[in-house]
N, C-alpha and C. Protein backbone atom coordinates (compact mmCIF):
# COMPACT_ATOMS: atom_id res chain seq x y z
N UNK A 1 -2.44 3.01 -23.20
CA UNK A 1 -3.39 3.75 -24.00
C UNK A 1 -4.17 4.67 -23.06
N UNK A 2 -4.32 5.92 -23.45
CA UNK A 2 -5.07 6.90 -22.68
C UNK A 2 -6.42 7.14 -23.34
N UNK A 3 -7.48 6.99 -22.54
CA UNK A 3 -8.84 7.14 -23.02
C UNK A 3 -9.60 8.08 -22.11
N UNK A 4 -10.70 8.65 -22.62
CA UNK A 4 -11.59 9.47 -21.81
C UNK A 4 -12.85 8.64 -21.60
N UNK A 5 -13.08 8.20 -20.38
CA UNK A 5 -14.22 7.34 -20.07
C UNK A 5 -15.15 8.07 -19.12
N UNK A 6 -16.38 8.26 -19.56
CA UNK A 6 -17.39 8.97 -18.78
C UNK A 6 -16.87 10.31 -18.29
N UNK A 7 -16.12 10.98 -19.16
CA UNK A 7 -15.60 12.31 -18.86
C UNK A 7 -14.32 12.34 -18.04
N UNK A 8 -13.80 11.18 -17.69
CA UNK A 8 -12.59 11.11 -16.87
C UNK A 8 -11.43 10.49 -17.65
N UNK A 9 -10.26 11.12 -17.64
CA UNK A 9 -9.11 10.52 -18.31
C UNK A 9 -8.66 9.26 -17.56
N UNK A 10 -8.39 8.21 -18.34
CA UNK A 10 -7.94 6.94 -17.75
C UNK A 10 -6.80 6.39 -18.59
N UNK A 11 -5.81 5.81 -17.93
CA UNK A 11 -4.69 5.19 -18.62
C UNK A 11 -4.83 3.67 -18.52
N UNK A 12 -4.57 2.99 -19.64
CA UNK A 12 -4.62 1.53 -19.71
C UNK A 12 -3.33 1.04 -20.34
N UNK A 13 -2.27 0.90 -19.53
CA UNK A 13 -0.98 0.48 -20.09
C UNK A 13 -1.01 -0.90 -20.73
N UNK A 14 -1.96 -1.75 -20.34
CA UNK A 14 -2.01 -3.10 -20.90
C UNK A 14 -2.66 -3.14 -22.28
N UNK A 15 -3.37 -2.08 -22.68
CA UNK A 15 -4.01 -2.06 -23.99
C UNK A 15 -3.04 -1.50 -25.03
N UNK A 16 -2.93 -2.18 -26.12
CA UNK A 16 -2.01 -1.81 -27.20
C UNK A 16 -2.78 -1.48 -28.47
N UNK A 17 -2.08 -1.02 -29.48
CA UNK A 17 -2.68 -0.77 -30.78
C UNK A 17 -3.40 -2.03 -31.25
N UNK A 18 -4.61 -1.86 -31.75
CA UNK A 18 -5.40 -3.00 -32.19
C UNK A 18 -6.36 -3.50 -31.14
N UNK A 19 -6.33 -2.92 -29.93
CA UNK A 19 -7.26 -3.32 -28.88
C UNK A 19 -8.69 -2.97 -29.31
N UNK A 20 -9.64 -3.71 -28.81
CA UNK A 20 -11.04 -3.52 -29.16
C UNK A 20 -11.86 -3.09 -27.93
N UNK A 21 -13.11 -2.75 -28.18
CA UNK A 21 -14.00 -2.43 -27.06
C UNK A 21 -14.11 -3.62 -26.11
N UNK A 22 -14.15 -4.82 -26.64
CA UNK A 22 -14.22 -6.01 -25.79
C UNK A 22 -12.99 -6.11 -24.89
N UNK A 23 -11.82 -5.77 -25.42
CA UNK A 23 -10.59 -5.78 -24.62
C UNK A 23 -10.68 -4.75 -23.49
N UNK A 24 -11.21 -3.58 -23.81
CA UNK A 24 -11.35 -2.53 -22.80
C UNK A 24 -12.29 -2.97 -21.68
N UNK A 25 -13.43 -3.54 -22.04
CA UNK A 25 -14.38 -3.99 -21.02
C UNK A 25 -13.77 -5.08 -20.15
N UNK A 26 -12.95 -5.94 -20.74
CA UNK A 26 -12.25 -6.96 -19.95
C UNK A 26 -11.27 -6.30 -18.99
N UNK A 27 -10.55 -5.27 -19.47
CA UNK A 27 -9.59 -4.56 -18.61
C UNK A 27 -10.30 -3.85 -17.46
N UNK A 28 -11.55 -3.44 -17.69
CA UNK A 28 -12.34 -2.79 -16.65
C UNK A 28 -13.07 -3.80 -15.77
N UNK A 29 -12.98 -5.08 -16.11
CA UNK A 29 -13.66 -6.16 -15.38
C UNK A 29 -15.17 -5.95 -15.33
N UNK A 30 -15.73 -5.50 -16.46
CA UNK A 30 -17.18 -5.30 -16.54
C UNK A 30 -17.81 -6.49 -17.25
N UNK A 31 -18.96 -6.94 -16.73
CA UNK A 31 -19.70 -8.02 -17.40
C UNK A 31 -20.34 -7.44 -18.65
N UNK A 32 -20.05 -8.04 -19.78
CA UNK A 32 -20.49 -7.48 -21.04
C UNK A 32 -22.00 -7.52 -21.23
N UNK A 33 -22.70 -8.35 -20.48
CA UNK A 33 -24.16 -8.40 -20.62
C UNK A 33 -24.86 -7.33 -19.79
N UNK A 34 -24.09 -6.48 -19.10
CA UNK A 34 -24.70 -5.47 -18.23
C UNK A 34 -24.26 -4.04 -18.54
N UNK A 35 -23.68 -3.82 -19.72
CA UNK A 35 -23.24 -2.48 -20.06
C UNK A 35 -23.68 -2.09 -21.47
N UNK A 36 -23.73 -0.79 -21.69
CA UNK A 36 -23.94 -0.21 -23.01
C UNK A 36 -22.76 0.73 -23.24
N UNK A 37 -22.29 0.82 -24.49
CA UNK A 37 -21.10 1.60 -24.79
C UNK A 37 -21.35 2.57 -25.94
N UNK A 38 -20.95 3.82 -25.71
CA UNK A 38 -20.92 4.83 -26.76
C UNK A 38 -19.45 5.13 -27.03
N UNK A 39 -19.05 5.04 -28.28
CA UNK A 39 -17.65 5.21 -28.68
C UNK A 39 -17.56 6.39 -29.64
N UNK A 40 -16.89 7.44 -29.19
CA UNK A 40 -16.73 8.66 -29.99
C UNK A 40 -18.07 9.16 -30.54
N UNK A 41 -19.10 9.12 -29.68
CA UNK A 41 -20.40 9.69 -30.04
C UNK A 41 -21.38 8.73 -30.69
N UNK A 42 -20.99 7.49 -30.95
CA UNK A 42 -21.88 6.52 -31.57
C UNK A 42 -22.06 5.31 -30.66
N UNK A 43 -23.31 4.90 -30.50
CA UNK A 43 -23.58 3.69 -29.72
C UNK A 43 -23.13 2.49 -30.53
N UNK A 44 -22.42 1.58 -29.87
CA UNK A 44 -21.90 0.38 -30.53
C UNK A 44 -22.68 -0.83 -30.03
N UNK A 45 -23.22 -1.61 -30.96
CA UNK A 45 -23.96 -2.80 -30.56
C UNK A 45 -23.01 -3.82 -29.93
N UNK A 46 -23.54 -4.60 -29.03
CA UNK A 46 -22.74 -5.60 -28.33
C UNK A 46 -22.07 -6.56 -29.31
N UNK A 47 -22.76 -6.89 -30.38
CA UNK A 47 -22.22 -7.82 -31.37
C UNK A 47 -20.98 -7.27 -32.07
N UNK A 48 -20.81 -5.95 -32.06
CA UNK A 48 -19.68 -5.32 -32.76
C UNK A 48 -18.49 -5.03 -31.85
N UNK A 49 -18.58 -5.28 -30.56
CA UNK A 49 -17.51 -4.92 -29.63
C UNK A 49 -16.19 -5.60 -29.98
N UNK A 50 -16.23 -6.87 -30.38
CA UNK A 50 -14.99 -7.58 -30.71
C UNK A 50 -14.31 -7.02 -31.95
N UNK A 51 -15.07 -6.35 -32.80
CA UNK A 51 -14.52 -5.85 -34.07
C UNK A 51 -14.33 -4.33 -34.07
N UNK A 52 -14.61 -3.67 -32.94
CA UNK A 52 -14.51 -2.21 -32.88
C UNK A 52 -13.20 -1.82 -32.21
N UNK A 53 -12.24 -1.30 -33.01
CA UNK A 53 -10.96 -0.92 -32.43
C UNK A 53 -11.06 0.37 -31.62
N UNK A 54 -10.24 0.47 -30.61
CA UNK A 54 -10.12 1.72 -29.85
C UNK A 54 -8.72 2.27 -30.08
N UNK A 55 -8.60 3.58 -29.93
CA UNK A 55 -7.31 4.23 -30.19
C UNK A 55 -7.05 5.29 -29.14
N UNK A 56 -5.81 5.68 -29.02
CA UNK A 56 -5.37 6.72 -28.10
C UNK A 56 -6.30 7.94 -28.21
N UNK A 57 -6.81 8.39 -27.05
CA UNK A 57 -7.63 9.60 -27.00
C UNK A 57 -9.10 9.41 -27.29
N UNK A 58 -9.54 8.18 -27.58
CA UNK A 58 -10.96 7.95 -27.83
C UNK A 58 -11.79 8.36 -26.62
N UNK A 59 -13.03 8.74 -26.92
CA UNK A 59 -13.98 9.13 -25.87
C UNK A 59 -15.07 8.08 -25.80
N UNK A 60 -15.28 7.56 -24.59
CA UNK A 60 -16.27 6.52 -24.39
C UNK A 60 -17.20 6.88 -23.23
N UNK A 61 -18.45 6.53 -23.40
CA UNK A 61 -19.42 6.58 -22.32
C UNK A 61 -19.84 5.14 -22.08
N UNK A 62 -19.69 4.68 -20.85
CA UNK A 62 -20.04 3.31 -20.50
C UNK A 62 -21.08 3.35 -19.40
N UNK A 63 -22.23 2.76 -19.68
CA UNK A 63 -23.33 2.72 -18.70
C UNK A 63 -23.45 1.30 -18.21
N UNK A 64 -23.41 1.15 -16.90
CA UNK A 64 -23.52 -0.17 -16.27
C UNK A 64 -24.91 -0.30 -15.67
N UNK A 65 -25.65 -1.33 -16.08
CA UNK A 65 -27.00 -1.55 -15.60
C UNK A 65 -26.96 -2.29 -14.27
N UNK A 66 -27.80 -1.85 -13.34
CA UNK A 66 -27.87 -2.44 -12.02
C UNK A 66 -29.31 -2.84 -11.76
N UNK A 67 -29.51 -4.07 -11.35
CA UNK A 67 -30.86 -4.54 -11.02
C UNK A 67 -31.16 -4.31 -9.55
N UNK A 68 -32.39 -4.48 -9.23
CA UNK A 68 -32.78 -4.34 -7.83
C UNK A 68 -34.17 -3.77 -7.71
N UNK A 69 -34.53 -3.45 -6.50
CA UNK A 69 -35.85 -2.89 -6.26
C UNK A 69 -36.54 -3.65 -5.15
N UNK A 70 -37.71 -3.19 -4.84
CA UNK A 70 -38.49 -3.80 -3.76
C UNK A 70 -39.40 -4.89 -4.32
N UNK A 71 -39.68 -5.87 -3.48
CA UNK A 71 -40.59 -6.96 -3.87
C UNK A 71 -42.01 -6.56 -3.63
């Protein structure tokens, strides 16, 4: 499956028809509690990732939160 992620084309041969946002995040090895996802222009709540299908050519923006700072 070919997707546009954060403006970059990416191929995911392991993802098939019926794959979900949760499947994509697993393929990217991202911790689901540290990202926000926009799918084709709409923000998708974390609770809906398992039920949100992705398809060839979809556009996604994935933001990964990073903690840190000075004490």
